[in-house]
N, C-alpha and C. Protein backbone atom coordinates (compact mmCIF):
# COMPACT_ATOMS: atom_id res chain seq x y z
N MET A 1 0.84 -1.18 0.00
CA MET A 1 0.00 0.00 0.00
C MET A 1 0.89 1.24 0.00
N THR A 2 0.65 2.13 -0.92
CA THR A 2 1.41 3.36 -0.97
C THR A 2 0.53 4.51 -0.51
N THR A 3 1.16 5.48 0.09
CA THR A 3 0.41 6.65 0.54
C THR A 3 0.86 7.85 -0.27
N THR A 4 -0.07 8.70 -0.49
CA THR A 4 0.21 9.94 -1.21
C THR A 4 0.59 11.00 -0.20
N PRO A 5 1.74 11.64 -0.40
CA PRO A 5 2.11 12.69 0.56
C PRO A 5 1.12 13.85 0.50
N THR A 6 0.85 14.39 1.65
CA THR A 6 -0.07 15.53 1.70
C THR A 6 0.71 16.82 1.52
N VAL A 7 0.12 17.71 0.80
CA VAL A 7 0.72 19.03 0.57
C VAL A 7 -0.03 20.02 1.44
N PRO A 8 0.68 20.80 2.25
CA PRO A 8 -0.02 21.77 3.09
C PRO A 8 -0.80 22.77 2.24
N ARG A 9 -1.98 23.07 2.71
CA ARG A 9 -2.80 24.07 2.01
C ARG A 9 -2.28 25.46 2.34
N PRO A 10 -2.33 26.38 1.37
CA PRO A 10 -1.91 27.75 1.68
C PRO A 10 -2.83 28.37 2.72
N ARG A 11 -2.26 29.19 3.56
CA ARG A 11 -3.05 29.86 4.59
C ARG A 11 -3.93 30.93 3.97
N THR A 12 -5.16 30.96 4.46
CA THR A 12 -6.06 32.01 3.98
C THR A 12 -6.22 33.10 5.03
N GLU A 13 -5.96 32.76 6.29
CA GLU A 13 -6.08 33.76 7.35
C GLU A 13 -4.73 34.45 7.53
N PRO A 14 -4.74 35.69 8.01
CA PRO A 14 -3.47 36.40 8.19
C PRO A 14 -2.65 35.76 9.31
N VAL A 15 -1.36 35.78 9.14
CA VAL A 15 -0.45 35.28 10.16
C VAL A 15 -0.19 36.41 11.15
N LEU A 16 -0.23 36.10 12.42
CA LEU A 16 0.05 37.11 13.44
C LEU A 16 1.56 37.23 13.63
N TRP A 17 2.00 38.46 13.91
CA TRP A 17 3.42 38.71 14.16
C TRP A 17 3.70 38.64 15.64
N SER A 18 4.86 38.12 15.98
CA SER A 18 5.33 38.15 17.37
C SER A 18 5.92 39.54 17.65
N VAL A 19 6.31 39.75 18.89
CA VAL A 19 6.97 41.01 19.25
C VAL A 19 8.25 41.16 18.43
N GLU A 20 8.99 40.08 18.29
CA GLU A 20 10.25 40.13 17.54
C GLU A 20 10.00 40.43 16.06
N ASP A 21 8.97 39.80 15.47
CA ASP A 21 8.64 40.08 14.06
C ASP A 21 8.29 41.55 13.87
N THR A 22 7.47 42.07 14.77
CA THR A 22 7.03 43.46 14.67
C THR A 22 8.19 44.41 14.89
N ALA A 23 9.05 44.09 15.85
CA ALA A 23 10.23 44.92 16.10
C ALA A 23 11.14 44.94 14.87
N ASP A 24 11.31 43.80 14.23
CA ASP A 24 12.13 43.75 13.01
C ASP A 24 11.51 44.61 11.92
N TYR A 25 10.20 44.52 11.75
CA TYR A 25 9.52 45.31 10.72
C TYR A 25 9.68 46.81 10.99
N LEU A 26 9.52 47.22 12.24
CA LEU A 26 9.61 48.64 12.60
C LEU A 26 11.05 49.10 12.83
N ARG A 27 11.97 48.15 12.88
CA ARG A 27 13.39 48.44 13.14
C ARG A 27 13.60 49.15 14.46
N VAL A 28 12.95 48.59 15.49
CA VAL A 28 13.11 49.07 16.86
C VAL A 28 13.40 47.85 17.73
N PRO A 29 14.01 48.04 18.89
CA PRO A 29 14.22 46.91 19.79
C PRO A 29 12.89 46.39 20.34
N PRO A 30 12.79 45.09 20.60
CA PRO A 30 11.55 44.55 21.19
C PRO A 30 11.17 45.28 22.48
N LYS A 31 12.15 45.69 23.26
CA LYS A 31 11.86 46.40 24.51
C LYS A 31 11.04 47.66 24.25
N THR A 32 11.30 48.33 23.13
CA THR A 32 10.55 49.54 22.78
C THR A 32 9.08 49.22 22.58
N LEU A 33 8.77 48.10 21.94
CA LEU A 33 7.37 47.71 21.75
C LEU A 33 6.68 47.46 23.09
N TYR A 34 7.39 46.80 24.01
CA TYR A 34 6.81 46.57 25.33
C TYR A 34 6.56 47.88 26.06
N GLU A 35 7.50 48.83 25.93
CA GLU A 35 7.32 50.15 26.57
C GLU A 35 6.14 50.88 25.95
N TRP A 36 6.04 50.89 24.62
CA TRP A 36 4.92 51.54 23.94
C TRP A 36 3.61 50.91 24.40
N ARG A 37 3.58 49.60 24.49
CA ARG A 37 2.36 48.91 24.89
C ARG A 37 1.96 49.30 26.31
N TYR A 38 2.93 49.37 27.20
CA TYR A 38 2.68 49.75 28.59
C TYR A 38 2.11 51.17 28.68
N LYS A 39 2.64 52.09 27.85
CA LYS A 39 2.21 53.49 27.86
C LYS A 39 0.94 53.71 27.05
N GLY A 40 0.51 52.72 26.27
CA GLY A 40 -0.67 52.89 25.43
C GLY A 40 -0.35 53.50 24.08
N ASP A 41 0.94 53.58 23.77
CA ASP A 41 1.37 54.08 22.45
C ASP A 41 1.64 52.87 21.56
N GLY A 42 2.12 53.14 20.37
CA GLY A 42 2.54 52.06 19.49
C GLY A 42 1.39 51.43 18.76
N PRO A 43 1.72 50.45 17.93
CA PRO A 43 0.68 49.77 17.14
C PRO A 43 -0.22 48.93 18.04
N PRO A 44 -1.45 48.69 17.60
CA PRO A 44 -2.36 47.85 18.38
C PRO A 44 -1.77 46.46 18.58
N SER A 45 -1.89 45.95 19.79
CA SER A 45 -1.39 44.61 20.09
C SER A 45 -2.51 43.81 20.73
N HIS A 46 -2.34 42.51 20.71
CA HIS A 46 -3.36 41.60 21.23
C HIS A 46 -2.68 40.54 22.07
N ARG A 47 -3.26 40.30 23.24
CA ARG A 47 -2.73 39.22 24.09
C ARG A 47 -3.48 37.95 23.73
N ILE A 48 -2.70 36.92 23.38
CA ILE A 48 -3.26 35.61 23.06
C ILE A 48 -2.63 34.65 24.07
N GLY A 49 -3.40 34.31 25.09
CA GLY A 49 -2.83 33.52 26.18
C GLY A 49 -1.77 34.35 26.88
N ARG A 50 -0.56 33.85 26.95
CA ARG A 50 0.51 34.61 27.58
C ARG A 50 1.38 35.34 26.57
N TYR A 51 0.98 35.33 25.30
CA TYR A 51 1.77 35.92 24.24
C TYR A 51 1.16 37.22 23.74
N VAL A 52 2.00 38.14 23.31
CA VAL A 52 1.55 39.37 22.67
C VAL A 52 1.74 39.18 21.17
N ARG A 53 0.70 39.47 20.41
CA ARG A 53 0.76 39.31 18.96
C ARG A 53 0.25 40.58 18.29
N TYR A 54 0.66 40.76 17.04
CA TYR A 54 0.28 41.92 16.24
C TYR A 54 -0.29 41.45 14.92
N VAL A 55 -1.33 42.14 14.46
CA VAL A 55 -1.91 41.87 13.14
C VAL A 55 -1.15 42.75 12.15
N PRO A 56 -0.49 42.15 11.16
CA PRO A 56 0.34 42.93 10.23
C PRO A 56 -0.37 44.14 9.62
N ASP A 57 -1.63 43.98 9.20
CA ASP A 57 -2.34 45.11 8.59
C ASP A 57 -2.56 46.24 9.59
N GLU A 58 -2.77 45.91 10.86
CA GLU A 58 -2.94 46.95 11.88
C GLU A 58 -1.63 47.69 12.12
N VAL A 59 -0.52 46.96 12.09
CA VAL A 59 0.80 47.60 12.26
C VAL A 59 1.06 48.54 11.08
N ARG A 60 0.80 48.09 9.88
CA ARG A 60 1.02 48.94 8.68
C ARG A 60 0.13 50.18 8.72
N THR A 61 -1.12 50.02 9.14
CA THR A 61 -2.03 51.17 9.27
C THR A 61 -1.51 52.15 10.30
N TRP A 62 -1.02 51.65 11.41
CA TRP A 62 -0.45 52.49 12.45
C TRP A 62 0.75 53.28 11.92
N VAL A 63 1.60 52.62 11.15
CA VAL A 63 2.78 53.30 10.57
C VAL A 63 2.32 54.41 9.64
N ARG A 64 1.34 54.15 8.80
CA ARG A 64 0.85 55.16 7.84
C ARG A 64 0.22 56.35 8.57
N SER A 65 -0.34 56.11 9.75
CA SER A 65 -1.00 57.21 10.49
C SER A 65 -0.01 58.12 11.19
N ARG A 66 1.24 57.76 11.20
CA ARG A 66 2.27 58.55 11.88
C ARG A 66 2.74 59.67 11.02
């Protein structure tokens, strides 16, 4: 019996960025994102369990609004 390898389906939902991903995109240290989040500044962030995540489109919109 042979099995056909499965090919992963392309993602249709947006991928969330980690603090490190977002910091790389904005070219700031991750610590800066945590400080902005604490002060209520910076791009919108979302807590998912114990993790902070960013929606790429929200980060881009935030950058354009600056």
